[in-house]
Amino acid sequence: MGLFGEWMRAAPADLKPLRGDLAAVRKFIVDGEGPRGGAEGDWAGIDFLLRRRDFPVDVVYGEEPFAAPSAEDKEWDSDPPCYLTPAQVRTAAAALRDLTPEELIHGVTAAELRRAGLYHLYTPAALPTLADRLPGIRDFFTRAAACGDAVICWLS
């Protein structure tokens, strides 16, 4: 089974007690009722396309760590979650506002996909399907920004 890129909106005050406690972060994610979204199995492709455009915020992995992972921490399928502050969420929403699916994939070549290690997942012909995720991503971050929420980002 592959990894899935996931997001959960949270009030900034809800994140304060989680800093430094990855077990509490896991419980918050599992038990949390905040609105959720994600790039699902296309997280690597979305990350590649946004980084290629010098996107100002890392919406796939997050920017702010809750805590450094320890050697004993086996709770996560990959790196532990990070989060975006409300200011970073607003920056992401603003950058996504006018970005079209066509612009997101414009000029991507097979050679770029190979160099990024993604050719086994996507070919240039398959990129429009990947770009179709953009409106949902835009809506998620726009709503989060409008509510002043932070966003927790993780792979599961």
N, C-alpha and C. Protein backbone atom coordinates (compact mmCIF):
# COMPACT_ATOMS: atom_id res chain seq x y z
N MET A 1 0.84 -1.18 0.00
CA MET A 1 0.00 0.00 0.00
C MET A 1 0.88 1.24 0.00
N GLY A 2 0.54 2.23 -0.79
CA GLY A 2 1.33 3.45 -0.89
C GLY A 2 1.00 4.45 0.19
N LEU A 3 1.79 5.51 0.20
CA LEU A 3 1.54 6.59 1.15
C LEU A 3 0.52 7.57 0.58
N PHE A 4 -0.17 8.23 1.48
CA PHE A 4 -1.16 9.23 1.11
C PHE A 4 -0.81 10.54 1.80
N GLY A 5 -0.83 11.64 1.04
CA GLY A 5 -0.61 12.97 1.60
C GLY A 5 -1.91 13.48 2.19
N GLU A 6 -1.87 13.87 3.46
CA GLU A 6 -3.09 14.28 4.14
C GLU A 6 -2.91 15.63 4.84
N TRP A 7 -4.04 16.31 5.02
CA TRP A 7 -4.08 17.59 5.73
C TRP A 7 -5.25 17.60 6.70
N MET A 8 -5.07 18.31 7.77
CA MET A 8 -6.18 18.58 8.69
C MET A 8 -6.06 20.01 9.19
N ARG A 9 -7.17 20.72 9.10
CA ARG A 9 -7.20 22.09 9.62
C ARG A 9 -7.32 22.04 11.14
N ALA A 10 -6.70 23.02 11.78
CA ALA A 10 -6.76 23.11 13.24
C ALA A 10 -6.62 24.56 13.67
N ALA A 11 -7.28 24.89 14.76
CA ALA A 11 -7.10 26.22 15.34
C ALA A 11 -5.67 26.31 15.88
N PRO A 12 -5.02 27.45 15.71
CA PRO A 12 -3.65 27.58 16.19
C PRO A 12 -3.49 27.22 17.67
N ALA A 13 -4.47 27.57 18.49
CA ALA A 13 -4.38 27.27 19.92
C ALA A 13 -4.36 25.76 20.18
N ASP A 14 -4.98 24.98 19.28
CA ASP A 14 -4.99 23.53 19.44
C ASP A 14 -3.62 22.91 19.21
N LEU A 15 -2.76 23.62 18.48
CA LEU A 15 -1.44 23.07 18.17
C LEU A 15 -0.42 23.30 19.28
N LYS A 16 -0.61 24.34 20.08
CA LYS A 16 0.38 24.67 21.11
C LYS A 16 0.70 23.50 22.03
N PRO A 17 -0.30 22.78 22.57
CA PRO A 17 0.05 21.67 23.47
C PRO A 17 0.66 20.46 22.77
N LEU A 18 0.64 20.44 21.44
CA LEU A 18 1.18 19.31 20.70
C LEU A 18 2.68 19.44 20.42
N ARG A 19 3.20 20.63 20.52
CA ARG A 19 4.61 20.86 20.20
C ARG A 19 5.48 20.07 21.16
N GLY A 20 6.37 19.28 20.58
CA GLY A 20 7.30 18.48 21.38
C GLY A 20 6.75 17.12 21.77
N ASP A 21 5.53 16.76 21.34
CA ASP A 21 4.91 15.51 21.77
C ASP A 21 4.27 14.81 20.58
N LEU A 22 5.06 13.97 19.90
CA LEU A 22 4.55 13.32 18.69
C LEU A 22 3.42 12.33 18.98
N ALA A 23 3.40 11.75 20.18
CA ALA A 23 2.29 10.87 20.54
C ALA A 23 0.99 11.67 20.63
N ALA A 24 1.07 12.87 21.17
CA ALA A 24 -0.12 13.74 21.25
C ALA A 24 -0.55 14.18 19.85
N VAL A 25 0.41 14.40 18.96
CA VAL A 25 0.08 14.77 17.58
C VAL A 25 -0.71 13.63 16.93
N ARG A 26 -0.23 12.40 17.09
CA ARG A 26 -0.93 11.25 16.51
C ARG A 26 -2.35 11.16 17.06
N LYS A 27 -2.51 11.29 18.36
CA LYS A 27 -3.85 11.21 18.97
C LYS A 27 -4.74 12.32 18.43
N PHE A 28 -4.19 13.52 18.29
CA PHE A 28 -4.97 14.65 17.78
C PHE A 28 -5.43 14.37 16.34
N ILE A 29 -4.55 13.81 15.53
CA ILE A 29 -4.90 13.51 14.14
C ILE A 29 -5.96 12.40 14.09
N VAL A 30 -5.77 11.36 14.87
CA VAL A 30 -6.71 10.24 14.85
C VAL A 30 -8.07 10.65 15.40
N ASP A 31 -8.07 11.39 16.51
CA ASP A 31 -9.32 11.77 17.18
C ASP A 31 -9.89 13.08 16.68
N GLY A 32 -9.08 13.87 15.98
CA GLY A 32 -9.48 15.22 15.59
C GLY A 32 -10.66 15.25 14.64
N GLU A 33 -11.41 16.31 14.77
CA GLU A 33 -12.60 16.47 13.94
C GLU A 33 -12.47 17.63 12.97
N GLY A 34 -11.27 18.18 12.85
CA GLY A 34 -11.08 19.29 11.93
C GLY A 34 -11.28 18.86 10.49
N PRO A 35 -11.66 19.79 9.64
CA PRO A 35 -11.82 19.47 8.21
C PRO A 35 -10.53 18.89 7.65
N ARG A 36 -10.68 17.90 6.79
CA ARG A 36 -9.53 17.20 6.23
C ARG A 36 -9.52 17.30 4.71
N GLY A 37 -8.35 17.12 4.17
CA GLY A 37 -8.16 17.11 2.73
C GLY A 37 -6.85 16.41 2.46
N GLY A 38 -6.41 16.49 1.22
CA GLY A 38 -5.12 15.91 0.94
C GLY A 38 -4.88 15.70 -0.54
N ALA A 39 -3.66 15.30 -0.81
CA ALA A 39 -3.24 14.99 -2.17
C ALA A 39 -3.34 13.50 -2.43
N GLU A 40 -3.78 12.77 -1.43
CA GLU A 40 -3.94 11.32 -1.50
C GLU A 40 -2.66 10.68 -2.04
N GLY A 41 -2.78 9.73 -2.96
CA GLY A 41 -1.60 9.06 -3.48
C GLY A 41 -0.78 9.89 -4.44
N ASP A 42 -1.28 11.07 -4.78
CA ASP A 42 -0.58 11.94 -5.73
C ASP A 42 0.31 12.98 -5.04
N TRP A 43 0.60 12.79 -3.76
CA TRP A 43 1.37 13.78 -3.01
C TRP A 43 2.73 14.05 -3.65
N ALA A 44 3.43 13.01 -4.13
CA ALA A 44 4.77 13.23 -4.71
C ALA A 44 4.67 14.05 -5.98
N GLY A 45 3.65 13.79 -6.80
CA GLY A 45 3.47 14.57 -8.03
C GLY A 45 3.11 16.01 -7.75
N ILE A 46 2.20 16.22 -6.80
CA ILE A 46 1.81 17.59 -6.42
C ILE A 46 3.02 18.34 -5.87
N ASP A 47 3.78 17.67 -5.00
CA ASP A 47 4.98 18.30 -4.44
C ASP A 47 5.95 18.70 -5.55
N PHE A 48 6.20 17.80 -6.49
CA PHE A 48 7.10 18.08 -7.61
C PHE A 48 6.60 19.28 -8.42
N LEU A 49 5.32 19.28 -8.78
CA LEU A 49 4.79 20.37 -9.61
C LEU A 49 4.85 21.72 -8.92
N LEU A 50 4.55 21.76 -7.63
CA LEU A 50 4.59 23.03 -6.90
C LEU A 50 6.02 23.50 -6.68
N ARG A 51 6.92 22.60 -6.33
CA ARG A 51 8.33 22.98 -6.15
C ARG A 51 8.93 23.49 -7.46
N ARG A 52 8.53 22.87 -8.55
CA ARG A 52 9.00 23.27 -9.88
C ARG A 52 8.64 24.72 -10.17
N ARG A 53 7.55 25.19 -9.60
CA ARG A 53 7.09 26.56 -9.79
C ARG A 53 7.59 27.48 -8.67
N ASP A 54 8.51 26.99 -7.84
CA ASP A 54 9.02 27.76 -6.70
C ASP A 54 7.89 28.22 -5.79
N PHE A 55 6.97 27.30 -5.50
CA PHE A 55 5.84 27.61 -4.64
C PHE A 55 6.36 28.08 -3.29
N PRO A 56 5.78 29.12 -2.70
CA PRO A 56 6.35 29.74 -1.51
C PRO A 56 6.18 28.95 -0.21
N VAL A 57 5.33 27.93 -0.21
CA VAL A 57 5.05 27.18 1.02
C VAL A 57 5.01 25.69 0.67
N ASP A 58 5.55 24.86 1.54
CA ASP A 58 5.52 23.42 1.33
C ASP A 58 4.19 22.87 1.85
N VAL A 59 3.21 22.77 0.96
CA VAL A 59 1.88 22.32 1.37
C VAL A 59 1.78 20.81 1.48
N VAL A 60 2.74 20.06 0.98
CA VAL A 60 2.68 18.61 1.10
C VAL A 60 3.28 18.15 2.42
N TYR A 61 4.47 18.61 2.75
CA TYR A 61 5.15 18.17 3.97
C TYR A 61 4.97 19.11 5.15
N GLY A 62 4.54 20.34 4.91
CA GLY A 62 4.45 21.32 5.98
C GLY A 62 5.78 22.02 6.16
N GLU A 63 5.78 23.01 7.02
CA GLU A 63 6.99 23.82 7.23
C GLU A 63 7.52 23.73 8.67
N GLU A 64 6.62 23.62 9.63
CA GLU A 64 7.00 23.72 11.04
C GLU A 64 6.92 22.34 11.70
N PRO A 65 8.04 21.82 12.21
CA PRO A 65 7.97 20.50 12.88
C PRO A 65 7.34 20.62 14.27
N PHE A 66 6.63 19.59 14.66
CA PHE A 66 6.12 19.52 16.04
C PHE A 66 7.25 19.14 16.98
N ALA A 67 8.07 18.20 16.53
CA ALA A 67 9.21 17.72 17.33
C ALA A 67 10.13 16.95 16.39
N ALA A 68 11.37 16.82 16.80
CA ALA A 68 12.31 16.02 16.03
C ALA A 68 11.99 14.55 16.26
N PRO A 69 11.97 13.76 15.20
CA PRO A 69 11.70 12.33 15.40
C PRO A 69 12.85 11.67 16.15
N SER A 70 12.51 10.73 17.00
CA SER A 70 13.55 9.99 17.72
C SER A 70 13.71 8.62 17.09
N ALA A 71 14.80 7.95 17.41
CA ALA A 71 15.05 6.61 16.88
C ALA A 71 13.98 5.63 17.35
N GLU A 72 13.39 5.89 18.50
CA GLU A 72 12.35 5.01 19.04
C GLU A 72 10.98 5.27 18.43
N ASP A 73 10.80 6.38 17.76
CA ASP A 73 9.48 6.74 17.23
C ASP A 73 9.19 5.95 15.96
N LYS A 74 8.36 4.95 16.07
CA LYS A 74 7.99 4.11 14.94
C LYS A 74 6.52 4.32 14.57
N GLU A 75 5.92 5.38 15.07
CA GLU A 75 4.48 5.61 14.89
C GLU A 75 4.11 6.05 13.47
N TRP A 76 5.06 6.60 12.74
CA TRP A 76 4.73 7.21 11.46
C TRP A 76 5.24 6.36 10.31
N ASP A 77 4.50 6.33 9.23
CA ASP A 77 4.90 5.59 8.04
C ASP A 77 6.06 6.28 7.32
N SER A 78 6.25 7.54 7.59
CA SER A 78 7.32 8.33 7.00
C SER A 78 7.76 9.33 8.06
N ASP A 79 8.20 10.50 7.66
CA ASP A 79 8.56 11.52 8.64
C ASP A 79 7.32 11.95 9.42
N PRO A 80 7.50 12.38 10.67
CA PRO A 80 6.35 12.84 11.45
C PRO A 80 5.70 14.07 10.81
N PRO A 81 4.47 14.35 11.18
CA PRO A 81 3.78 15.51 10.62
C PRO A 81 4.48 16.82 10.94
N CYS A 82 4.25 17.77 10.08
CA CYS A 82 4.61 19.16 10.33
C CYS A 82 3.34 19.96 10.14
N TYR A 83 3.43 21.25 10.33
CA TYR A 83 2.23 22.07 10.15
C TYR A 83 2.58 23.38 9.47
N LEU A 84 1.54 24.02 8.99
CA LEU A 84 1.65 25.37 8.43
C LEU A 84 0.94 26.31 9.38
N THR A 85 1.57 27.41 9.69
CA THR A 85 0.94 28.43 10.53
C THR A 85 -0.18 29.11 9.75
N PRO A 86 -1.06 29.82 10.42
CA PRO A 86 -2.09 30.56 9.67
C PRO A 86 -1.50 31.51 8.62
N ALA A 87 -0.37 32.14 8.93
CA ALA A 87 0.26 33.04 7.94
C ALA A 87 0.74 32.24 6.73
N GLN A 88 1.31 31.06 6.94
CA GLN A 88 1.76 30.22 5.83
C GLN A 88 0.57 29.70 5.03
N VAL A 89 -0.53 29.40 5.72
CA VAL A 89 -1.75 28.96 5.02
C VAL A 89 -2.27 30.09 4.14
N ARG A 90 -2.26 31.31 4.65
CA ARG A 90 -2.69 32.46 3.84
C ARG A 90 -1.79 32.64 2.63
N THR A 91 -0.48 32.48 2.81
CA THR A 91 0.47 32.58 1.69
C THR A 91 0.17 31.51 0.65
N ALA A 92 -0.08 30.28 1.10
CA ALA A 92 -0.40 29.19 0.17
C ALA A 92 -1.69 29.49 -0.58
N ALA A 93 -2.71 29.93 0.14
CA ALA A 93 -4.00 30.23 -0.50
C ALA A 93 -3.84 31.33 -1.54
N ALA A 94 -3.07 32.35 -1.22
CA ALA A 94 -2.86 33.45 -2.17
C ALA A 94 -2.11 32.96 -3.42
N ALA A 95 -1.11 32.10 -3.22
CA ALA A 95 -0.34 31.59 -4.36
C ALA A 95 -1.17 30.64 -5.22
N LEU A 96 -2.10 29.93 -4.60
CA LEU A 96 -2.96 29.00 -5.34
C LEU A 96 -4.10 29.71 -6.07
N ARG A 97 -4.45 30.89 -5.60
CA ARG A 97 -5.65 31.60 -6.09
C ARG A 97 -5.73 31.67 -7.61
N ASP A 98 -4.68 32.10 -8.25
CA ASP A 98 -4.72 32.31 -9.70
C ASP A 98 -3.99 31.23 -10.50
N LEU A 99 -3.47 30.22 -9.81
CA LEU A 99 -2.76 29.15 -10.51
C LEU A 99 -3.78 28.21 -11.15
N THR A 100 -3.64 27.98 -12.44
CA THR A 100 -4.56 27.09 -13.14
C THR A 100 -3.92 25.71 -13.29
N PRO A 101 -4.74 24.69 -13.48
CA PRO A 101 -4.17 23.36 -13.73
C PRO A 101 -3.24 23.35 -14.94
N GLU A 102 -3.59 24.10 -15.96
CA GLU A 102 -2.75 24.15 -17.15
C GLU A 102 -1.38 24.75 -16.85
N GLU A 103 -1.36 25.83 -16.06
CA GLU A 103 -0.09 26.45 -15.68
C GLU A 103 0.75 25.51 -14.81
N LEU A 104 0.08 24.77 -13.95
CA LEU A 104 0.78 23.86 -13.03
C LEU A 104 1.61 22.84 -13.79
N ILE A 105 1.11 22.34 -14.90
CA ILE A 105 1.82 21.28 -15.63
C ILE A 105 2.52 21.76 -16.89
N HIS A 106 2.37 23.04 -17.21
CA HIS A 106 2.93 23.57 -18.45
C HIS A 106 4.43 23.28 -18.55
N GLY A 107 4.81 22.68 -19.67
CA GLY A 107 6.22 22.48 -19.98
C GLY A 107 6.90 21.32 -19.27
N VAL A 108 6.18 20.55 -18.49
CA VAL A 108 6.81 19.42 -17.81
C VAL A 108 7.20 18.38 -18.85
N THR A 109 8.44 17.91 -18.77
CA THR A 109 8.94 16.94 -19.74
C THR A 109 9.17 15.58 -19.07
N ALA A 110 9.26 14.57 -19.92
CA ALA A 110 9.57 13.22 -19.43
C ALA A 110 10.93 13.22 -18.72
N ALA A 111 11.89 13.99 -19.25
CA ALA A 111 13.22 14.05 -18.63
C ALA A 111 13.14 14.61 -17.21
N GLU A 112 12.33 15.64 -17.01
CA GLU A 112 12.16 16.19 -15.65
C GLU A 112 11.57 15.15 -14.70
N LEU A 113 10.57 14.44 -15.18
CA LEU A 113 9.94 13.41 -14.36
C LEU A 113 10.92 12.31 -14.00
N ARG A 114 11.78 11.93 -14.96
CA ARG A 114 12.80 10.91 -14.69
C ARG A 114 13.79 11.41 -13.65
N ARG A 115 14.29 12.65 -13.83
CA ARG A 115 15.25 13.22 -12.87
C ARG A 115 14.66 13.29 -11.46
N ALA A 116 13.37 13.55 -11.38
CA ALA A 116 12.70 13.66 -10.08
C ALA A 116 12.33 12.29 -9.51
N GLY A 117 12.58 11.23 -10.28
CA GLY A 117 12.24 9.89 -9.83
C GLY A 117 10.75 9.59 -9.88
N LEU A 118 10.02 10.32 -10.73
CA LEU A 118 8.57 10.18 -10.78
C LEU A 118 8.05 9.55 -12.06
N TYR A 119 8.96 9.21 -12.98
CA TYR A 119 8.48 8.71 -14.27
C TYR A 119 7.73 7.39 -14.12
N HIS A 120 8.04 6.64 -13.09
CA HIS A 120 7.31 5.38 -12.87
C HIS A 120 5.87 5.65 -12.40
N LEU A 121 5.61 6.86 -11.91
CA LEU A 121 4.27 7.23 -11.44
C LEU A 121 3.48 8.03 -12.47
N TYR A 122 4.18 8.91 -13.19
CA TYR A 122 3.50 9.84 -14.10
C TYR A 122 4.27 9.96 -15.40
N THR A 123 3.53 10.04 -16.48
CA THR A 123 4.11 10.39 -17.77
C THR A 123 3.54 11.77 -18.11
N PRO A 124 4.15 12.47 -19.03
CA PRO A 124 3.58 13.77 -19.40
C PRO A 124 2.12 13.67 -19.81
N ALA A 125 1.72 12.58 -20.44
CA ALA A 125 0.32 12.44 -20.86
C ALA A 125 -0.63 12.28 -19.67
N ALA A 126 -0.12 11.79 -18.54
CA ALA A 126 -0.96 11.59 -17.35
C ALA A 126 -1.06 12.84 -16.47
N LEU A 127 -0.25 13.86 -16.75
CA LEU A 127 -0.22 15.04 -15.89
C LEU A 127 -1.55 15.80 -15.81
N PRO A 128 -2.34 15.88 -16.86
CA PRO A 128 -3.63 16.58 -16.70
C PRO A 128 -4.52 15.98 -15.61
N THR A 129 -4.47 14.67 -15.45
CA THR A 129 -5.25 14.04 -14.38
C THR A 129 -4.72 14.49 -13.03
N LEU A 130 -3.41 14.57 -12.89
CA LEU A 130 -2.80 15.05 -11.65
C LEU A 130 -3.18 16.52 -11.41
N ALA A 131 -3.13 17.32 -12.44
CA ALA A 131 -3.46 18.74 -12.32
C ALA A 131 -4.92 18.95 -11.94
N ASP A 132 -5.78 17.98 -12.22
CA ASP A 132 -7.19 18.10 -11.84
C ASP A 132 -7.40 18.16 -10.33
N ARG A 133 -6.37 17.83 -9.56
CA ARG A 133 -6.45 17.93 -8.09
C ARG A 133 -6.35 19.38 -7.61
N LEU A 134 -5.83 20.26 -8.45
CA LEU A 134 -5.57 21.63 -8.03
C LEU A 134 -6.79 22.37 -7.48
N PRO A 135 -7.96 22.32 -8.11
CA PRO A 135 -9.10 23.05 -7.53
C PRO A 135 -9.46 22.60 -6.11
N GLY A 136 -9.37 21.31 -5.82
CA GLY A 136 -9.65 20.83 -4.47
C GLY A 136 -8.62 21.31 -3.46
N ILE A 137 -7.36 21.34 -3.88
CA ILE A 137 -6.29 21.85 -3.02
C ILE A 137 -6.50 23.34 -2.77
N ARG A 138 -6.82 24.07 -3.82
CA ARG A 138 -7.08 25.51 -3.70
C ARG A 138 -8.23 25.77 -2.73
N ASP A 139 -9.32 25.03 -2.88
CA ASP A 139 -10.48 25.21 -2.00
C ASP A 139 -10.13 24.92 -0.55
N PHE A 140 -9.39 23.85 -0.30
CA PHE A 140 -9.02 23.50 1.07
C PHE A 140 -8.24 24.63 1.73
N PHE A 141 -7.21 25.13 1.04
CA PHE A 141 -6.37 26.17 1.63
C PHE A 141 -7.08 27.52 1.69
N THR A 142 -7.95 27.79 0.75
CA THR A 142 -8.72 29.04 0.79
C THR A 142 -9.64 29.05 2.01
N ARG A 143 -10.31 27.94 2.26
CA ARG A 143 -11.20 27.85 3.43
C ARG A 143 -10.41 27.93 4.73
N ALA A 144 -9.29 27.23 4.78
CA ALA A 144 -8.46 27.28 5.98
C ALA A 144 -7.98 28.71 6.25
N ALA A 145 -7.54 29.40 5.21
CA ALA A 145 -7.07 30.77 5.36
C ALA A 145 -8.20 31.69 5.83
N ALA A 146 -9.39 31.52 5.27
CA ALA A 146 -10.53 32.37 5.63
C ALA A 146 -10.90 32.19 7.11
N CYS A 147 -10.65 31.01 7.67
CA CYS A 147 -10.99 30.74 9.07
C CYS A 147 -9.82 31.02 10.02
N GLY A 148 -8.66 31.39 9.48
CA GLY A 148 -7.49 31.63 10.31
C GLY A 148 -6.88 30.36 10.88
N ASP A 149 -7.12 29.24 10.19
CA ASP A 149 -6.62 27.94 10.67
C ASP A 149 -5.18 27.69 10.29
N ALA A 150 -4.55 26.85 11.08
CA ALA A 150 -3.28 26.22 10.72
C ALA A 150 -3.65 24.93 9.98
N VAL A 151 -2.67 24.30 9.34
CA VAL A 151 -2.90 23.04 8.65
C VAL A 151 -1.80 22.06 9.03
N ILE A 152 -2.21 20.89 9.51
CA ILE A 152 -1.27 19.81 9.81
C ILE A 152 -1.09 19.01 8.52
N CYS A 153 0.16 18.69 8.17
CA CYS A 153 0.48 17.97 6.94
C CYS A 153 1.24 16.70 7.31
N TRP A 154 0.81 15.56 6.73
CA TRP A 154 1.52 14.31 7.00
C TRP A 154 1.27 13.31 5.89
N LEU A 155 2.13 12.29 5.86
CA LEU A 155 1.96 11.17 4.95
C LEU A 155 1.56 9.97 5.79
N SER A 156 0.58 9.24 5.30
CA SER A 156 0.14 8.06 6.05
C SER A 156 0.09 6.85 5.14
